[in-house]
Amino acid sequence: MKAKLHRATISAADLNYEGSLTIDTDLLKASGIRPYERIYVYNVNNGERFETYAIEGEAGSGAIQLNGAAARKGMIGDFLIIVTYALCSDDEVDEHRPNVVLLNPDNTIKEIVK
């Protein structure tokens, strides 16, 4: 695991938007998730699991918006776990620590664990 946003709350969904997941830019920076990076999304409320890519949302907005087909995978208010993975060499793996960002229900940062 490279990075994780834990218990992000879906703030919006737009079925007619080109597919992706909009994430507040501040949350991307805190976690180390990059725009257009592949992300794996796990919906805590309904068990849905899917992958898409991250796009930047307005900084400070708390945006976690399902777009396109992903809009069918959750409802506003559902909790998500958003994860990225990275490959590490045998030498790197012992030193690697993921960026884990724990969120409050309003998508503000509760704690960063490294």
PDB file of N, CA and C in Angstrom:
ATOM      1  N   MET A   1       0.845  -1.173   0.000  1.00  0.00           N
ATOM      2  CA  MET A   1       0.000   0.000   0.000  1.00  0.00           C
ATOM      3  C   MET A   1       0.890   1.235   0.000  1.00  0.00           C
ATOM      4  N   LYS A   2       0.571   2.169  -0.889  1.00  0.00           N
ATOM      5  CA  LYS A   2       1.311   3.426  -0.969  1.00  0.00           C
ATOM      6  C   LYS A   2       0.641   4.508  -0.130  1.00  0.00           C
ATOM      7  N   ALA A   3      -0.683   4.632  -0.292  1.00  0.00           N
ATOM      8  CA  ALA A   3      -1.420   5.695   0.389  1.00  0.00           C
ATOM      9  C   ALA A   3      -2.856   5.254   0.626  1.00  0.00           C
ATOM     10  N   LYS A   4      -3.484   5.878   1.654  1.00  0.00           N
ATOM     11  CA  LYS A   4      -4.880   5.554   1.941  1.00  0.00           C
ATOM     12  C   LYS A   4      -5.579   6.764   2.529  1.00  0.00           C
ATOM     13  N   LEU A   5      -6.774   7.036   2.001  1.00  0.00           N
ATOM     14  CA  LEU A   5      -7.714   7.966   2.633  1.00  0.00           C
ATOM     15  C   LEU A   5      -8.759   7.081   3.288  1.00  0.00           C
ATOM     16  N   HIS A   6      -8.823   7.113   4.622  1.00  0.00           N
ATOM     17  CA  HIS A   6      -9.668   6.181   5.368  1.00  0.00           C
ATOM     18  C   HIS A   6     -10.940   6.866   5.845  1.00  0.00           C
ATOM     19  N   ARG A   7     -12.075   6.302   5.446  1.00  0.00           N
ATOM     20  CA  ARG A   7     -13.416   6.763   5.801  1.00  0.00           C
ATOM     21  C   ARG A   7     -13.724   8.143   5.214  1.00  0.00           C
ATOM     22  N   ALA A   8     -13.396   8.282   3.922  1.00  0.00           N
ATOM     23  CA  ALA A   8     -13.825   9.472   3.190  1.00  0.00           C
ATOM     24  C   ALA A   8     -15.330   9.380   2.984  1.00  0.00           C
ATOM     25  N   THR A   9     -16.028  10.484   3.126  1.00  0.00           N
ATOM     26  CA  THR A   9     -17.477  10.504   2.983  1.00  0.00           C
ATOM     27  C   THR A   9     -17.849  11.016   1.594  1.00  0.00           C
ATOM     28  N   ILE A  10     -18.668  10.265   0.874  1.00  0.00           N
ATOM     29  CA  ILE A  10     -19.115  10.712  -0.443  1.00  0.00           C
ATOM     30  C   ILE A  10     -19.916  11.999  -0.269  1.00  0.00           C
ATOM     31  N   SER A  11     -19.473  13.059  -0.953  1.00  0.00           N
ATOM     32  CA  SER A  11     -20.133  14.360  -0.843  1.00  0.00           C
ATOM     33  C   SER A  11     -21.018  14.661  -2.053  1.00  0.00           C
ATOM     34  N   ALA A  12     -20.777  13.975  -3.174  1.00  0.00           N
ATOM     35  CA  ALA A  12     -21.568  14.219  -4.380  1.00  0.00           C
ATOM     36  C   ALA A  12     -21.377  13.058  -5.351  1.00  0.00           C
ATOM     37  N   ALA A  13     -22.275  12.984  -6.323  1.00  0.00           N
ATOM     38  CA  ALA A  13     -22.176  11.987  -7.394  1.00  0.00           C
ATOM     39  C   ALA A  13     -22.739  12.610  -8.667  1.00  0.00           C
ATOM     40  N   ASP A  14     -22.077  12.357  -9.788  1.00  0.00           N
ATOM     41  CA  ASP A  14     -22.505  12.913 -11.072  1.00  0.00           C
ATOM     42  C   ASP A  14     -22.397  11.835 -12.135  1.00  0.00           C
ATOM     43  N   LEU A  15     -23.515  11.200 -12.428  1.00  0.00           N
ATOM     44  CA  LEU A  15     -23.553  10.105 -13.394  1.00  0.00           C
ATOM     45  C   LEU A  15     -23.126  10.558 -14.789  1.00  0.00           C
ATOM     46  N   ASN A  16     -23.382  11.793 -15.146  1.00  0.00           N
ATOM     47  CA  ASN A  16     -23.113  12.286 -16.497  1.00  0.00           C
ATOM     48  C   ASN A  16     -21.712  12.863 -16.679  1.00  0.00           C
ATOM     49  N   TYR A  17     -20.892  12.813 -15.648  1.00  0.00           N
ATOM     50  CA  TYR A  17     -19.523  13.305 -15.741  1.00  0.00           C
ATOM     51  C   TYR A  17     -18.628  12.186 -16.252  1.00  0.00           C
ATOM     52  N   GLU A  18     -17.600  12.537 -17.004  1.00  0.00           N
ATOM     53  CA  GLU A  18     -16.630  11.534 -17.456  1.00  0.00           C
ATOM     54  C   GLU A  18     -16.045  10.834 -16.228  1.00  0.00           C
ATOM     55  N   GLY A  19     -15.926   9.529 -16.264  1.00  0.00           N
ATOM     56  CA  GLY A  19     -15.583   8.711 -15.102  1.00  0.00           C
ATOM     57  C   GLY A  19     -14.315   9.058 -14.372  1.00  0.00           C
ATOM     58  N   SER A  20     -14.379   9.016 -13.068  1.00  0.00           N
ATOM     59  CA  SER A  20     -13.247   9.249 -12.178  1.00  0.00           C
ATOM     60  C   SER A  20     -13.781   9.481 -10.770  1.00  0.00           C
ATOM     61  N   LEU A  21     -12.906   9.830  -9.855  1.00  0.00           N
ATOM     62  CA  LEU A  21     -13.301  10.203  -8.500  1.00  0.00           C
ATOM     63  C   LEU A  21     -12.647  11.540  -8.191  1.00  0.00           C
ATOM     64  N   THR A  22     -13.457  12.557  -7.958  1.00  0.00           N
ATOM     65  CA  THR A  22     -12.949  13.874  -7.596  1.00  0.00           C
ATOM     66  C   THR A  22     -12.612  13.866  -6.116  1.00  0.00           C
ATOM     67  N   ILE A  23     -11.387  14.287  -5.793  1.00  0.00           N
ATOM     68  CA  ILE A  23     -10.912  14.330  -4.408  1.00  0.00           C
ATOM     69  C   ILE A  23     -10.338  15.716  -4.135  1.00  0.00           C
ATOM     70  N   ASP A  24     -10.740  16.316  -3.030  1.00  0.00           N
ATOM     71  CA  ASP A  24     -10.207  17.602  -2.581  1.00  0.00           C
ATOM     72  C   ASP A  24      -8.684  17.592  -2.729  1.00  0.00           C
ATOM     73  N   THR A  25      -8.130  18.607  -3.390  1.00  0.00           N
ATOM     74  CA  THR A  25      -6.688  18.706  -3.627  1.00  0.00           C
ATOM     75  C   THR A  25      -5.881  18.614  -2.338  1.00  0.00           C
ATOM     76  N   ASP A  26      -6.385  19.185  -1.251  1.00  0.00           N
ATOM     77  CA  ASP A  26      -5.666  19.117   0.028  1.00  0.00           C
ATOM     78  C   ASP A  26      -5.528  17.671   0.504  1.00  0.00           C
ATOM     79  N   LEU A  27      -6.549  16.862   0.272  1.00  0.00           N
ATOM     80  CA  LEU A  27      -6.500  15.448   0.673  1.00  0.00           C
ATOM     81  C   LEU A  27      -5.546  14.663  -0.217  1.00  0.00           C
ATOM     82  N   LEU A  28      -5.514  14.998  -1.513  1.00  0.00           N
ATOM     83  CA  LEU A  28      -4.543  14.354  -2.404  1.00  0.00           C
ATOM     84  C   LEU A  28      -3.127  14.634  -1.920  1.00  0.00           C
ATOM     85  N   LYS A  29      -2.844  15.886  -1.625  1.00  0.00           N
ATOM     86  CA  LYS A  29      -1.494  16.259  -1.183  1.00  0.00           C
ATOM     87  C   LYS A  29      -1.133  15.589   0.142  1.00  0.00           C
ATOM     88  N   ALA A  30      -2.066  15.556   1.082  1.00  0.00           N
ATOM     89  CA  ALA A  30      -1.793  14.960   2.396  1.00  0.00           C
ATOM     90  C   ALA A  30      -1.496  13.471   2.284  1.00  0.00           C
ATOM     91  N   SER A  31      -2.163  12.798   1.359  1.00  0.00           N
ATOM     92  CA  SER A  31      -1.994  11.348   1.221  1.00  0.00           C
ATOM     93  C   SER A  31      -0.870  10.969   0.264  1.00  0.00           C
ATOM     94  N   GLY A  32      -0.518  11.878  -0.644  1.00  0.00           N
ATOM     95  CA  GLY A  32       0.470  11.546  -1.673  1.00  0.00           C
ATOM     96  C   GLY A  32      -0.141  10.915  -2.907  1.00  0.00           C
ATOM     97  N   ILE A  33      -1.474  10.885  -2.984  1.00  0.00           N
ATOM     98  CA  ILE A  33      -2.143  10.399  -4.195  1.00  0.00           C
ATOM     99  C   ILE A  33      -2.028  11.500  -5.244  1.00  0.00           C
ATOM    100  N   ARG A  34      -1.658  11.109  -6.442  1.00  0.00           N
ATOM    101  CA  ARG A  34      -1.456  12.083  -7.519  1.00  0.00           C
ATOM    102  C   ARG A  34      -2.665  12.129  -8.449  1.00  0.00           C
ATOM    103  N   PRO A  35      -2.922  13.296  -9.034  1.00  0.00           N
ATOM    104  CA  PRO A  35      -3.994  13.374 -10.030  1.00  0.00           C
ATOM    105  C   PRO A  35      -3.748  12.357 -11.147  1.00  0.00           C
ATOM    106  N   TYR A  36      -4.805  11.702 -11.574  1.00  0.00           N
ATOM    107  CA  TYR A  36      -4.823  10.685 -12.634  1.00  0.00           C
ATOM    108  C   TYR A  36      -4.181   9.360 -12.216  1.00  0.00           C
ATOM    109  N   GLU A  37      -3.784   9.241 -10.954  1.00  0.00           N
ATOM    110  CA  GLU A  37      -3.252   7.968 -10.462  1.00  0.00           C
ATOM    111  C   GLU A  37      -4.397   6.974 -10.296  1.00  0.00           C
ATOM    112  N   ARG A  38      -4.117   5.704 -10.577  1.00  0.00           N
ATOM    113  CA  ARG A  38      -5.111   4.646 -10.363  1.00  0.00           C
ATOM    114  C   ARG A  38      -5.371   4.526  -8.868  1.00  0.00           C
ATOM    115  N   ILE A  39      -6.656   4.472  -8.532  1.00  0.00           N
ATOM    116  CA  ILE A  39      -7.057   4.289  -7.142  1.00  0.00           C
ATOM    117  C   ILE A  39      -8.025   3.120  -7.057  1.00  0.00           C
ATOM    118  N   TYR A  40      -7.998   2.478  -5.909  1.00  0.00           N
ATOM    119  CA  TYR A  40      -8.925   1.400  -5.595  1.00  0.00           C
ATOM    120  C   TYR A  40      -9.852   1.941  -4.522  1.00  0.00           C
ATOM    121  N   VAL A  41     -11.144   1.737  -4.722  1.00  0.00           N
ATOM    122  CA  VAL A  41     -12.145   2.339  -3.851  1.00  0.00           C
ATOM    123  C   VAL A  41     -12.993   1.232  -3.240  1.00  0.00           C
ATOM    124  N   TYR A  42     -13.127   1.277  -1.924  1.00  0.00           N
ATOM    125  CA  TYR A  42     -13.899   0.283  -1.182  1.00  0.00           C
ATOM    126  C   TYR A  42     -15.001   1.014  -0.416  1.00  0.00           C
ATOM    127  N   ASN A  43     -16.251   0.706  -0.729  1.00  0.00           N
ATOM    128  CA  ASN A  43     -17.385   1.352  -0.073  1.00  0.00           C
ATOM    129  C   ASN A  43     -17.723   0.565   1.188  1.00  0.00           C
ATOM    130  N   VAL A  44     -17.549   1.195   2.336  1.00  0.00           N
ATOM    131  CA  VAL A  44     -17.780   0.548   3.629  1.00  0.00           C
ATOM    132  C   VAL A  44     -19.265   0.238   3.815  1.00  0.00           C
ATOM    133  N   ASN A  45     -20.141   1.070   3.288  1.00  0.00           N
ATOM    134  CA  ASN A  45     -21.567   0.910   3.523  1.00  0.00           C
ATOM    135  C   ASN A  45     -22.211  -0.229   2.736  1.00  0.00           C
ATOM    136  N   ASN A  46     -21.781  -0.436   1.480  1.00  0.00           N
ATOM    137  CA  ASN A  46     -22.464  -1.436   0.663  1.00  0.00           C
ATOM    138  C   ASN A  46     -21.549  -2.537   0.119  1.00  0.00           C
ATOM    139  N   GLY A  47     -20.261  -2.473   0.425  1.00  0.00           N
ATOM    140  CA  GLY A  47     -19.341  -3.517   0.005  1.00  0.00           C
ATOM    141  C   GLY A  47     -18.834  -3.398  -1.426  1.00  0.00           C
ATOM    142  N   GLU A  48     -19.284  -2.403  -2.175  1.00  0.00           N
ATOM    143  CA  GLU A  48     -18.804  -2.216  -3.550  1.00  0.00           C
ATOM    144  C   GLU A  48     -17.303  -1.971  -3.550  1.00  0.00           C
ATOM    145  N   ARG A  49     -16.629  -2.543  -4.547  1.00  0.00           N
ATOM    146  CA  ARG A  49     -15.190  -2.359  -4.725  1.00  0.00           C
ATOM    147  C   ARG A  49     -14.966  -2.082  -6.198  1.00  0.00           C
ATOM    148  N   PHE A  50     -14.237  -1.006  -6.496  1.00  0.00           N
ATOM    149  CA  PHE A  50     -13.971  -0.670  -7.888  1.00  0.00           C
ATOM    150  C   PHE A  50     -12.673   0.115  -7.991  1.00  0.00           C
ATOM    151  N   GLU A  51     -12.192   0.261  -9.211  1.00  0.00           N
ATOM    152  CA  GLU A  51     -11.004   1.064  -9.436  1.00  0.00           C
ATOM    153  C   GLU A  51     -11.322   2.133 -10.467  1.00  0.00           C
ATOM    154  N   THR A  52     -10.662   3.256 -10.327  1.00  0.00           N
ATOM    155  CA  THR A  52     -10.812   4.383 -11.236  1.00  0.00           C
ATOM    156  C   THR A  52      -9.546   5.219 -11.103  1.00  0.00           C
ATOM    157  N   TYR A  53      -9.633   6.497 -11.379  1.00  0.00           N
ATOM    158  CA  TYR A  53      -8.471   7.367 -11.205  1.00  0.00           C
ATOM    159  C   TYR A  53      -8.893   8.627 -10.465  1.00  0.00           C
ATOM    160  N   ALA A  54      -7.936   9.253  -9.815  1.00  0.00           N
ATOM    161  CA  ALA A  54      -8.192  10.452  -9.024  1.00  0.00           C
ATOM    162  C   ALA A  54      -8.105  11.698  -9.889  1.00  0.00           C
ATOM    163  N   ILE A  55      -9.010  12.644  -9.656  1.00  0.00           N
ATOM    164  CA  ILE A  55      -8.873  13.969 -10.242  1.00  0.00           C
ATOM    165  C   ILE A  55      -8.982  14.998  -9.127  1.00  0.00           C
ATOM    166  N   GLU A  56      -8.360  16.142  -9.351  1.00  0.00           N
ATOM    167  CA  GLU A  56      -8.306  17.183  -8.330  1.00  0.00           C
ATOM    168  C   GLU A  56      -9.645  17.902  -8.183  1.00  0.00           C
ATOM    169  N   GLY A  57     -10.058  18.030  -6.925  1.00  0.00           N
ATOM    170  CA  GLY A  57     -11.213  18.849  -6.599  1.00  0.00           C
ATOM    171  C   GLY A  57     -10.735  20.121  -5.920  1.00  0.00           C
ATOM    172  N   GLU A  58     -11.624  21.037  -5.708  1.00  0.00           N
ATOM    173  CA  GLU A  58     -11.284  22.321  -5.101  1.00  0.00           C
ATOM    174  C   GLU A  58     -10.665  22.120  -3.717  1.00  0.00           C
ATOM    175  N   ALA A  59      -9.534  22.780  -3.487  1.00  0.00           N
ATOM    176  CA  ALA A  59      -8.855  22.700  -2.191  1.00  0.00           C
ATOM    177  C   ALA A  59      -9.772  23.228  -1.087  1.00  0.00           C
ATOM    178  N   GLY A  60      -9.813  22.492   0.017  1.00  0.00           N
ATOM    179  CA  GLY A  60     -10.613  22.905   1.167  1.00  0.00           C
ATOM    180  C   GLY A  60     -12.099  22.625   1.048  1.00  0.00           C
ATOM    181  N   SER A  61     -12.516  22.028  -0.055  1.00  0.00           N
ATOM    182  CA  SER A  61     -13.946  21.780  -0.287  1.00  0.00           C
ATOM    183  C   SER A  61     -14.453  20.517   0.398  1.00  0.00           C
ATOM    184  N   GLY A  62     -13.540  19.599   0.716  1.00  0.00           N
ATOM    185  CA  GLY A  62     -13.952  18.312   1.259  1.00  0.00           C
ATOM    186  C   GLY A  62     -14.568  17.404   0.205  1.00  0.00           C
ATOM    187  N   ALA A  63     -14.372  17.738  -1.065  1.00  0.00           N
ATOM    188  CA  ALA A  63     -15.009  16.989  -2.153  1.00  0.00           C
ATOM    189  C   ALA A  63     -14.510  15.550  -2.234  1.00  0.00           C
ATOM    190  N   ILE A  64     -15.449  14.634  -2.237  1.00  0.00           N
ATOM    191  CA  ILE A  64     -15.248  13.231  -2.584  1.00  0.00           C
ATOM    192  C   ILE A  64     -16.452  12.906  -3.469  1.00  0.00           C
ATOM    193  N   GLN A  65     -16.259  13.035  -4.798  1.00  0.00           N
ATOM    194  CA  GLN A  65     -17.371  12.928  -5.732  1.00  0.00           C
ATOM    195  C   GLN A  65     -17.189  11.763  -6.684  1.00  0.00           C
ATOM    196  N   LEU A  66     -18.176  10.871  -6.679  1.00  0.00           N
ATOM    197  CA  LEU A  66     -18.201   9.770  -7.631  1.00  0.00           C
ATOM    198  C   LEU A  66     -18.680  10.302  -8.969  1.00  0.00           C
ATOM    199  N   ASN A  67     -17.957   9.972 -10.042  1.00  0.00           N
ATOM    200  CA  ASN A  67     -18.300  10.467 -11.374  1.00  0.00           C
ATOM    201  C   ASN A  67     -18.503   9.314 -12.352  1.00  0.00           C
ATOM    202  N   GLY A  68     -19.342   9.539 -13.355  1.00  0.00           N
ATOM    203  CA  GLY A  68     -19.593   8.537 -14.387  1.00  0.00           C
ATOM    204  C   GLY A  68     -20.173   7.270 -13.795  1.00  0.00           C
ATOM    205  N   ALA A  69     -19.726   6.134 -14.306  1.00  0.00           N
ATOM    206  CA  ALA A  69     -20.245   4.840 -13.849  1.00  0.00           C
ATOM    207  C   ALA A  69     -20.047   4.635 -12.350  1.00  0.00           C
ATOM    208  N   ALA A  70     -18.982   5.215 -11.788  1.00  0.00           N
ATOM    209  CA  ALA A  70     -18.722   5.079 -10.353  1.00  0.00           C
ATOM    210  C   ALA A  70     -19.843   5.682  -9.511  1.00  0.00           C
ATOM    211  N   ALA A  71     -20.615   6.611 -10.095  1.00  0.00           N
ATOM    212  CA  ALA A  71     -21.726   7.231  -9.361  1.00  0.00           C
ATOM    213  C   ALA A  71     -22.779   6.209  -8.955  1.00  0.00           C
ATOM    214  N   ARG A  72     -22.775   5.054  -9.596  1.00  0.00           N
ATOM    215  CA  ARG A  72     -23.712   3.978  -9.251  1.00  0.00           C
ATOM    216  C   ARG A  72     -23.198   3.110  -8.100  1.00  0.00           C
ATOM    217  N   LYS A  73     -21.973   3.353  -7.654  1.00  0.00           N
ATOM    218  CA  LYS A  73     -21.328   2.492  -6.661  1.00  0.00           C
ATOM    219  C   LYS A  73     -21.496   2.971  -5.219  1.00  0.00           C
ATOM    220  N   GLY A  74     -22.172   4.101  -5.032  1.00  0.00           N
ATOM    221  CA  GLY A  74     -22.368   4.601  -3.676  1.00  0.00           C
ATOM    222  C   GLY A  74     -23.359   5.742  -3.646  1.00  0.00           C
ATOM    223  N   MET A  75     -23.707   6.123  -2.424  1.00  0.00           N
ATOM    224  CA  MET A  75     -24.654   7.209  -2.206  1.00  0.00           C
ATOM    225  C   MET A  75     -23.981   8.290  -1.365  1.00  0.00           C
ATOM    226  N   ILE A  76     -24.456   9.513  -1.510  1.00  0.00           N
ATOM    227  CA  ILE A  76     -23.953  10.598  -0.678  1.00  0.00           C
ATOM    228  C   ILE A  76     -24.087  10.179   0.781  1.00  0.00           C
ATOM    229  N   GLY A  77     -22.995  10.353   1.529  1.00  0.00           N
ATOM    230  CA  GLY A  77     -22.960   9.962   2.940  1.00  0.00           C
ATOM    231  C   GLY A  77     -22.285   8.634   3.195  1.00  0.00           C
ATOM    232  N   ASP A  78     -22.127   7.794   2.151  1.00  0.00           N
ATOM    233  CA  ASP A  78     -21.414   6.526   2.323  1.00  0.00           C
ATOM    234  C   ASP A  78     -19.949   6.788   2.644  1.00  0.00           C
ATOM    235  N   PHE A  79     -19.354   5.885   3.395  1.00  0.00           N
ATOM    236  CA  PHE A  79     -17.929   5.975   3.729  1.00  0.00           C
ATOM    237  C   PHE A  79     -17.116   5.146   2.742  1.00  0.00           C
ATOM    238  N   LEU A  80     -16.003   5.711   2.274  1.00  0.00           N
ATOM    239  CA  LEU A  80     -15.110   5.031   1.355  1.00  0.00           C
ATOM    240  C   LEU A  80     -13.718   4.887   1.956  1.00  0.00           C
ATOM    241  N   ILE A  81     -13.041   3.833   1.539  1.00  0.00           N
ATOM    242  CA  ILE A  81     -11.606   3.687   1.759  1.00  0.00           C
ATOM    243  C   ILE A  81     -10.992   3.783   0.368  1.00  0.00           C
ATOM    244  N   ILE A  82     -10.089   4.742   0.187  1.00  0.00           N
ATOM    245  CA  ILE A  82      -9.462   4.998  -1.111  1.00  0.00           C
ATOM    246  C   ILE A  82      -7.985   4.669  -0.968  1.00  0.00           C
ATOM    247  N   VAL A  83      -7.490   3.739  -1.803  1.00  0.00           N
ATOM    248  CA  VAL A  83      -6.149   3.198  -1.630  1.00  0.00           C
ATOM    249  C   VAL A  83      -5.381   3.225  -2.950  1.00  0.00           C
ATOM    250  N   THR A  84      -4.080   3.472  -2.860  1.00  0.00           N
ATOM    251  CA  THR A  84      -3.172   3.278  -3.992  1.00  0.00           C
ATOM    252  C   THR A  84      -2.093   2.300  -3.545  1.00  0.00           C
ATOM    253  N   TYR A  85      -1.522   1.624  -4.536  1.00  0.00           N
ATOM    254  CA  TYR A  85      -0.475   0.651  -4.269  1.00  0.00           C
ATOM    255  C   TYR A  85       0.751   1.009  -5.090  1.00  0.00           C
ATOM    256  N   ALA A  86       1.913   0.578  -4.654  1.00  0.00           N
ATOM    257  CA  ALA A  86       3.160   0.815  -5.382  1.00  0.00           C
ATOM    258  C   ALA A  86       4.027  -0.435  -5.292  1.00  0.00           C
ATOM    259  N   LEU A  87       4.841  -0.621  -6.301  1.00  0.00           N
ATOM    260  CA  LEU A  87       5.795  -1.729  -6.292  1.00  0.00           C
ATOM    261  C   LEU A  87       7.070  -1.282  -5.592  1.00  0.00           C
ATOM    262  N   CYS A  88       7.613  -2.152  -4.756  1.00  0.00           N
ATOM    263  CA  CYS A  88       8.859  -1.870  -4.040  1.00  0.00           C
ATOM    264  C   CYS A  88       9.838  -3.017  -4.287  1.00  0.00           C
ATOM    265  N   SER A  89      11.087  -2.671  -4.363  1.00  0.00           N
ATOM    266  CA  SER A  89      12.109  -3.717  -4.454  1.00  0.00           C
ATOM    267  C   SER A  89      12.249  -4.361  -3.078  1.00  0.00           C
ATOM    268  N   ASP A  90      12.922  -5.494  -3.007  1.00  0.00           N
ATOM    269  CA  ASP A  90      13.157  -6.151  -1.725  1.00  0.00           C
ATOM    270  C   ASP A  90      13.908  -5.226  -0.771  1.00  0.00           C
ATOM    271  N   ASP A  91      14.810  -4.414  -1.306  1.00  0.00           N
ATOM    272  CA  ASP A  91      15.565  -3.483  -0.468  1.00  0.00           C
ATOM    273  C   ASP A  91      14.691  -2.358   0.071  1.00  0.00           C
ATOM    274  N   GLU A  92      13.717  -1.924  -0.700  1.00  0.00           N
ATOM    275  CA  GLU A  92      12.858  -0.804  -0.303  1.00  0.00           C
ATOM    276  C   GLU A  92      11.743  -1.209   0.651  1.00  0.00           C
ATOM    277  N   VAL A  93      11.286  -2.440   0.555  1.00  0.00           N
ATOM    278  CA  VAL A  93      10.071  -2.843   1.261  1.00  0.00           C
ATOM    279  C   VAL A  93      10.195  -2.726   2.783  1.00  0.00           C
ATOM    280  N   ASP A  94      11.349  -3.004   3.344  1.00  0.00           N
ATOM    281  CA  ASP A  94      11.501  -2.926   4.797  1.00  0.00           C
ATOM    282  C   ASP A  94      11.425  -1.495   5.318  1.00  0.00           C
ATOM    283  N   GLU A  95      11.772  -0.532   4.487  1.00  0.00           N
ATOM    284  CA  GLU A  95      11.760   0.873   4.892  1.00  0.00           C
ATOM    285  C   GLU A  95      10.461   1.588   4.519  1.00  0.00           C
ATOM    286  N   HIS A  96       9.662   0.976   3.668  1.00  0.00           N
ATOM    287  CA  HIS A  96       8.447   1.636   3.167  1.00  0.00           C
ATOM    288  C   HIS A  96       7.397   1.786   4.260  1.00  0.00           C
ATOM    289  N   ARG A  97       6.813   2.976   4.331  1.00  0.00           N
ATOM    290  CA  ARG A  97       5.680   3.238   5.213  1.00  0.00           C
ATOM    291  C   ARG A  97       4.626   3.979   4.397  1.00  0.00           C
ATOM    292  N   PRO A  98       3.409   3.464   4.338  1.00  0.00           N
ATOM    293  CA  PRO A  98       2.370   4.144   3.563  1.00  0.00           C
ATOM    294  C   PRO A  98       1.919   5.437   4.252  1.00  0.00           C
ATOM    295  N   ASN A  99       1.374   6.341   3.469  1.00  0.00           N
ATOM    296  CA  ASN A  99       0.734   7.544   4.011  1.00  0.00           C
ATOM    297  C   ASN A  99      -0.731   7.200   4.253  1.00  0.00           C
ATOM    298  N   VAL A 100      -1.149   7.209   5.493  1.00  0.00           N
ATOM    299  CA  VAL A 100      -2.529   6.895   5.847  1.00  0.00           C
ATOM    300  C   VAL A 100      -3.153   8.153   6.435  1.00  0.00           C
ATOM    301  N   VAL A 101      -4.210   8.623   5.785  1.00  0.00           N
ATOM    302  CA  VAL A 101      -4.903   9.826   6.234  1.00  0.00           C
ATOM    303  C   VAL A 101      -6.272   9.406   6.755  1.00  0.00           C
ATOM    304  N   LEU A 102      -6.480   9.574   8.042  1.00  0.00           N
ATOM    305  CA  LEU A 102      -7.764   9.267   8.677  1.00  0.00           C
ATOM    306  C   LEU A 102      -8.625  10.523   8.607  1.00  0.00           C
ATOM    307  N   LEU A 103      -9.879  10.358   8.178  1.00  0.00           N
ATOM    308  CA  LEU A 103     -10.746  11.504   7.959  1.00  0.00           C
ATOM    309  C   LEU A 103     -11.919  11.550   8.923  1.00  0.00           C
ATOM    310  N   ASN A 104     -12.355  12.768   9.197  1.00  0.00           N
ATOM    311  CA  ASN A 104     -13.595  13.010   9.927  1.00  0.00           C
ATOM    312  C   ASN A 104     -14.763  12.882   8.944  1.00  0.00           C
ATOM    313  N   PRO A 105     -16.001  12.776   9.437  1.00  0.00           N
ATOM    314  CA  PRO A 105     -17.151  12.634   8.527  1.00  0.00           C
ATOM    315  C   PRO A 105     -17.321  13.780   7.526  1.00  0.00           C
ATOM    316  N   ASP A 106     -16.754  14.968   7.824  1.00  0.00           N
ATOM    317  CA  ASP A 106     -16.847  16.096   6.886  1.00  0.00           C
ATOM    318  C   ASP A 106     -15.636  16.159   5.947  1.00  0.00           C
ATOM    319  N   ASN A 107     -14.855  15.093   5.907  1.00  0.00           N
ATOM    320  CA  ASN A 107     -13.667  14.963   5.055  1.00  0.00           C
ATOM    321  C   ASN A 107     -12.532  15.922   5.430  1.00  0.00           C
ATOM    322  N   THR A 108     -12.523  16.380   6.662  1.00  0.00           N
ATOM    323  CA  THR A 108     -11.354  17.079   7.171  1.00  0.00           C
ATOM    324  C   THR A 108     -10.412  16.036   7.758  1.00  0.00           C
ATOM    325  N   ILE A 109      -9.141  16.384   7.833  1.00  0.00           N
ATOM    326  CA  ILE A 109      -8.143  15.423   8.312  1.00  0.00           C
ATOM    327  C   ILE A 109      -8.212  15.292   9.826  1.00  0.00           C
ATOM    328  N   LYS A 110      -8.391  14.073  10.266  1.00  0.00           N
ATOM    329  CA  LYS A 110      -8.411  13.740  11.699  1.00  0.00           C
ATOM    330  C   LYS A 110      -6.987  13.457  12.170  1.00  0.00           C
ATOM    331  N   GLU A 111      -6.248  12.667  11.355  1.00  0.00           N
ATOM    332  CA  GLU A 111      -4.886  12.270  11.730  1.00  0.00           C
ATOM    333  C   GLU A 111      -4.175  11.744  10.494  1.00  0.00           C
ATOM    334  N   ILE A 112      -2.862  11.967  10.448  1.00  0.00           N
ATOM    335  CA  ILE A 112      -2.024  11.384   9.401  1.00  0.00           C
ATOM    336  C   ILE A 112      -1.063  10.418  10.083  1.00  0.00           C
ATOM    337  N   VAL A 113      -1.053   9.177   9.608  1.00  0.00           N
ATOM    338  CA  VAL A 113      -0.214   8.124  10.182  1.00  0.00           C
ATOM    339  C   VAL A 113       0.805   7.736   9.122  1.00  0.00           C
ATOM    340  N   LYS A 114       2.085   7.813   9.488  1.00  0.00           N
ATOM    341  CA  LYS A 114       3.146   7.410   8.558  1.00  0.00           C
ATOM    342  C   LYS A 114       4.029   6.380   9.215  1.00  0.00           C
TER     343      LYS A 114
END
